[in-house]
Amino acid sequence: MALNCGLSTIKYVLFVFNLLCSLCGIALVVIGGVSLAKIADLQDISDEHSIVAPSILFIVLGSIVFVIAFFGCCGAIRESYCMTTTYGFFLMVLIIAQIVVAALVFIYVGDAKAAFQKGFVRLFEERDRPQNAELIDTIQSNLQCCGKNSVLDWLGNTPQSCCKAGTAPLCVPFTTGCQARLGEFIDTAGDVLGWVSLGVAAVELIGLIAACCLANGIRNQQRRSGY
């Protein structure tokens, strides 16, 4: 079935758009994977909030975006009304889900920040336990911080994880306390996850509009052709 010039343009625009959406899906998976690798060790700090949940959700969403985009490519190339409308429906559901995820991230990032800062204080007070000491070392090395508020919290027993790289044999400690650094990290991670989710949803909205136009055009063309 030959489409008119306008619909043919929308068809190929939708095809290219879905290729870009596939890349967005891969980007979501990569962002979720990288953030999961960086923050997985912090989960033991607090039992109230799951800090890894948004990262896992991004990996799942990214995988779904990739699959749906592939389905949209097939629907556009085959000029299938059924596949195109199905693609549009799932894309609409996905957009709503991403907006909800972004809203939840923005709403609860403050609570998560407070919970993890409180958890770190409790962890630091029990730093004599080997398991806690190992976790504190990991946090101090990864976030480049030292003590709760400063190196003075170690009372002269500064661990190597507090020292900046390349300062051996002397120890030049990080100047920022881990309580503040942890809050900054969670704020930044929340902003990145939330705004990336909204950004991808905005791009997908363009695809949804194009899919609706193409599906409507295919249906009208079928009616005129007697299919």
Protein backbone atom coordinates (compact mmCIF):
# COMPACT_ATOMS: atom_id res chain seq x y z
CA MET A 1 0.00 0.00 0.00
CA ALA A 2 1.51 3.29 -1.12
CA LEU A 3 1.18 6.19 1.27
CA ASN A 4 0.94 9.79 0.16
CA CYS A 5 3.95 12.07 0.45
CA GLY A 6 3.02 13.46 3.88
CA LEU A 7 2.41 10.07 5.46
CA SER A 8 5.55 8.65 3.86
CA THR A 9 7.51 11.44 5.50
CA ILE A 10 5.92 10.67 8.89
CA LYS A 11 6.68 6.98 8.34
CA TYR A 12 10.39 7.56 7.85
CA VAL A 13 10.53 10.19 10.59
CA LEU A 14 8.96 7.65 12.96
CA PHE A 15 11.47 5.03 11.85
CA VAL A 16 14.43 7.34 12.52
CA PHE A 17 12.82 8.45 15.77
CA ASN A 18 12.62 4.87 16.98
CA LEU A 19 16.25 4.31 16.18
CA LEU A 20 16.98 7.29 18.44
CA CYS A 21 14.62 5.84 21.06
CA SER A 22 16.58 2.60 20.93
CA LEU A 23 19.71 4.59 21.75
CA CYS A 24 17.79 6.32 24.59
CA GLY A 25 16.84 2.89 25.93
CA ILE A 26 20.46 1.79 25.83
CA ALA A 27 21.44 5.06 27.57
CA LEU A 28 18.91 4.41 30.36
CA VAL A 29 20.33 0.92 30.86
CA VAL A 30 23.90 2.30 30.97
CA ILE A 31 22.97 5.11 33.41
CA GLY A 32 21.10 2.65 35.62
CA GLY A 33 23.97 0.16 35.51
CA VAL A 34 26.66 2.75 36.29
CA SER A 35 24.67 4.28 39.16
CA LEU A 36 23.89 0.80 40.51
CA ALA A 37 27.59 -0.07 40.52
CA LYS A 38 28.45 3.15 42.34
CA ILE A 39 25.76 3.08 45.03
CA ALA A 40 25.19 -0.63 45.69
CA ASP A 41 27.61 -0.54 48.64
CA LEU A 42 25.58 2.26 50.26
CA GLN A 43 22.44 0.13 50.65
CA ASP A 44 23.65 -1.26 53.98
CA ILE A 45 23.55 2.22 55.51
CA SER A 46 19.75 2.42 55.71
CA ASP A 47 16.96 -0.10 55.99
CA GLU A 48 14.25 2.52 55.43
CA HIS A 49 14.90 3.27 51.75
CA SER A 50 16.21 1.24 48.84
CA ILE A 51 18.85 3.39 47.19
CA VAL A 52 19.32 0.85 44.39
CA ALA A 53 15.62 0.70 43.41
CA PRO A 54 15.71 3.72 41.02
CA SER A 55 18.80 2.32 39.26
CA ILE A 56 17.18 -1.09 38.81
CA LEU A 57 14.01 0.61 37.59
CA PHE A 58 16.03 2.57 35.02
CA ILE A 59 17.58 -0.65 33.72
CA VAL A 60 14.12 -2.19 33.37
CA LEU A 61 12.67 0.94 31.74
CA GLY A 62 15.61 1.18 29.35
CA SER A 63 15.13 -2.42 28.27
CA ILE A 64 11.40 -1.83 27.72
CA VAL A 65 12.11 1.36 25.72
CA PHE A 66 14.48 -0.58 23.47
CA VAL A 67 11.93 -3.35 22.83
CA ILE A 68 9.06 -0.91 22.18
CA ALA A 69 11.22 1.18 19.84
CA PHE A 70 12.09 -1.94 17.85
CA PHE A 71 8.38 -2.76 17.62
CA GLY A 72 7.69 0.78 16.39
CA CYS A 73 10.34 0.47 13.68
CA CYS A 74 8.69 -2.71 12.40
CA GLY A 75 5.22 -1.12 12.45
CA ALA A 76 6.40 1.95 10.52
CA ILE A 77 8.30 0.03 7.84
CA ARG A 78 5.51 -2.52 7.31
CA GLU A 79 2.86 0.23 7.36
CA SER A 80 0.82 -1.88 9.76
CA TYR A 81 -2.10 -0.13 11.45
CA CYS A 82 -2.31 -2.79 14.16
CA MET A 83 1.41 -2.70 15.00
CA THR A 84 1.52 1.10 14.91
CA THR A 85 -1.47 1.53 17.23
CA THR A 86 -0.12 -1.13 19.59
CA TYR A 87 3.21 0.66 19.59
CA GLY A 88 1.47 3.97 20.35
CA PHE A 89 -0.47 2.44 23.24
CA PHE A 90 2.60 0.93 24.90
CA LEU A 91 4.56 4.12 24.30
CA MET A 92 1.83 6.13 26.06
CA VAL A 93 1.91 3.74 29.04
CA LEU A 94 5.70 4.01 29.13
CA ILE A 95 5.61 7.82 29.08
CA ILE A 96 3.18 7.87 32.00
CA ALA A 97 5.36 5.37 33.91
CA GLN A 98 8.49 7.48 33.38
CA ILE A 99 6.72 10.64 34.55
CA VAL A 100 5.53 8.80 37.67
CA VAL A 101 9.06 7.49 38.32
CA ALA A 102 10.53 10.99 37.94
CA ALA A 103 7.90 12.43 40.29
CA LEU A 104 8.59 9.76 42.92
CA VAL A 105 12.34 10.41 42.68
CA PHE A 106 11.86 14.15 43.18
CA ILE A 107 9.37 13.61 46.04
CA TYR A 108 11.33 11.05 48.03
CA VAL A 109 14.93 12.08 47.36
CA GLY A 110 14.83 14.38 50.40
CA ASP A 111 13.61 11.59 52.69
CA ALA A 112 16.20 9.20 51.26
CA LYS A 113 18.93 11.79 51.78
CA ALA A 114 18.00 12.30 55.44
CA ALA A 115 17.70 8.55 56.06
CA PHE A 116 21.10 7.74 54.59
CA GLN A 117 22.82 10.60 56.39
CA LYS A 118 21.29 9.39 59.65
CA GLY A 119 22.33 5.84 58.81
CA PHE A 120 25.91 6.91 58.18
CA VAL A 121 26.07 8.65 61.55
CA ARG A 122 24.93 5.42 63.22
CA LEU A 123 27.42 3.45 61.14
CA PHE A 124 30.27 5.77 62.10
CA GLU A 125 29.44 5.53 65.79
CA GLU A 126 29.82 1.74 65.50
CA ARG A 127 32.97 1.91 63.39
CA ASP A 128 34.85 -0.51 65.67
CA ARG A 129 32.99 -3.39 64.04
CA PRO A 130 35.08 -4.82 61.16
CA GLN A 131 32.10 -4.90 58.77
CA ASN A 132 31.24 -1.26 59.50
CA ALA A 133 34.86 -0.17 59.20
CA GLU A 134 35.12 -1.80 55.77
CA LEU A 135 31.94 -0.07 54.58
CA ILE A 136 33.14 3.29 55.91
CA ASP A 137 36.43 2.84 54.04
CA THR A 138 34.50 2.12 50.83
CA ILE A 139 32.32 5.21 51.28
CA GLN A 140 35.26 7.48 52.09
CA SER A 141 37.27 6.25 49.08
CA ASN A 142 34.37 6.42 46.60
CA LEU A 143 32.90 9.73 47.74
CA GLN A 144 36.27 11.30 48.60
CA CYS A 145 35.23 12.33 52.10
CA CYS A 146 36.50 11.81 55.63
CA GLY A 147 34.68 11.24 58.92
CA LYS A 148 31.17 12.43 59.71
CA ASN A 149 31.94 16.12 59.41
CA SER A 150 35.72 16.24 58.98
CA VAL A 151 38.97 14.35 59.60
CA LEU A 152 38.79 15.49 63.23
CA ASP A 153 36.10 12.87 63.86
CA TRP A 154 38.82 10.21 63.68
CA LEU A 155 40.63 11.70 66.69
CA GLY A 156 44.06 11.30 65.14
CA ASN A 157 43.51 7.70 63.94
CA THR A 158 42.96 8.68 60.32
CA PRO A 159 42.49 5.63 58.04
CA GLN A 160 44.15 5.40 54.63
CA SER A 161 40.77 5.69 52.93
CA CYS A 162 40.66 9.33 54.08
CA CYS A 163 43.87 10.21 52.25
CA LYS A 164 43.95 11.79 48.82
CA ALA A 165 45.62 9.74 46.10
CA GLY A 166 49.23 10.59 45.34
CA THR A 167 49.99 12.08 48.76
CA ALA A 168 51.86 9.05 50.18
CA PRO A 169 53.82 8.67 52.40
CA LEU A 170 52.06 11.68 53.90
CA CYS A 171 48.30 11.66 54.34
CA VAL A 172 46.46 14.69 53.03
CA PRO A 173 42.87 13.97 54.09
CA PHE A 174 39.73 14.90 52.19
CA THR A 175 38.30 18.11 53.57
CA THR A 176 34.59 17.29 53.27
CA GLY A 177 32.78 15.10 55.79
CA CYS A 178 30.94 12.04 54.51
CA GLN A 179 27.59 13.10 55.93
CA ALA A 180 27.56 16.20 53.70
CA ARG A 181 29.10 14.38 50.73
CA LEU A 182 26.54 11.59 50.97
CA GLY A 183 23.73 14.15 50.88
CA GLU A 184 25.25 15.87 47.84
CA PHE A 185 25.65 12.53 46.08
CA ILE A 186 22.02 11.50 46.63
CA ASP A 187 20.77 14.94 45.56
CA THR A 188 22.83 14.77 42.35
CA ALA A 189 21.82 11.18 41.62
CA GLY A 190 18.15 12.05 42.17
CA ASP A 191 18.36 15.06 39.83
CA VAL A 192 20.08 13.02 37.12
CA LEU A 193 17.64 10.11 37.32
CA GLY A 194 14.57 12.36 37.51
CA TRP A 195 15.48 14.78 34.70
CA VAL A 196 16.79 12.06 32.39
CA SER A 197 13.50 10.19 32.85
CA LEU A 198 11.49 13.33 32.01
CA GLY A 199 13.76 14.13 29.06
CA VAL A 200 13.32 10.68 27.53
CA ALA A 201 9.55 10.90 28.14
CA ALA A 202 9.45 14.23 26.27
CA VAL A 203 11.26 12.70 23.31
CA GLU A 204 8.90 9.71 23.36
CA LEU A 205 5.91 12.08 23.31
CA ILE A 206 7.01 13.24 19.86
CA GLY A 207 7.08 9.62 18.75
CA LEU A 208 3.61 9.05 20.18
CA ILE A 209 2.20 11.97 18.18
CA ALA A 210 3.90 10.73 15.00
CA ALA A 211 2.61 7.19 15.60
CA CYS A 212 -0.97 8.45 16.04
CA CYS A 213 -0.74 10.47 12.82
CA LEU A 214 0.70 7.53 10.90
CA ALA A 215 -1.85 5.05 12.24
CA ASN A 216 -4.70 7.39 11.37
CA GLY A 217 -3.27 7.91 7.88
CA ILE A 218 -2.84 4.17 7.31
CA ARG A 219 -6.43 3.54 8.39
CA ASN A 220 -7.80 6.23 6.08
CA GLN A 221 -5.68 4.92 3.22
CA GLN A 222 -6.97 1.40 3.80
CA ARG A 223 -10.56 2.63 3.74
CA ARG A 224 -10.04 4.49 0.47
CA SER A 225 -8.30 1.47 -1.06
CA GLY A 226 -11.04 -0.91 0.05
CA TYR A 227 -8.85 -3.06 2.38
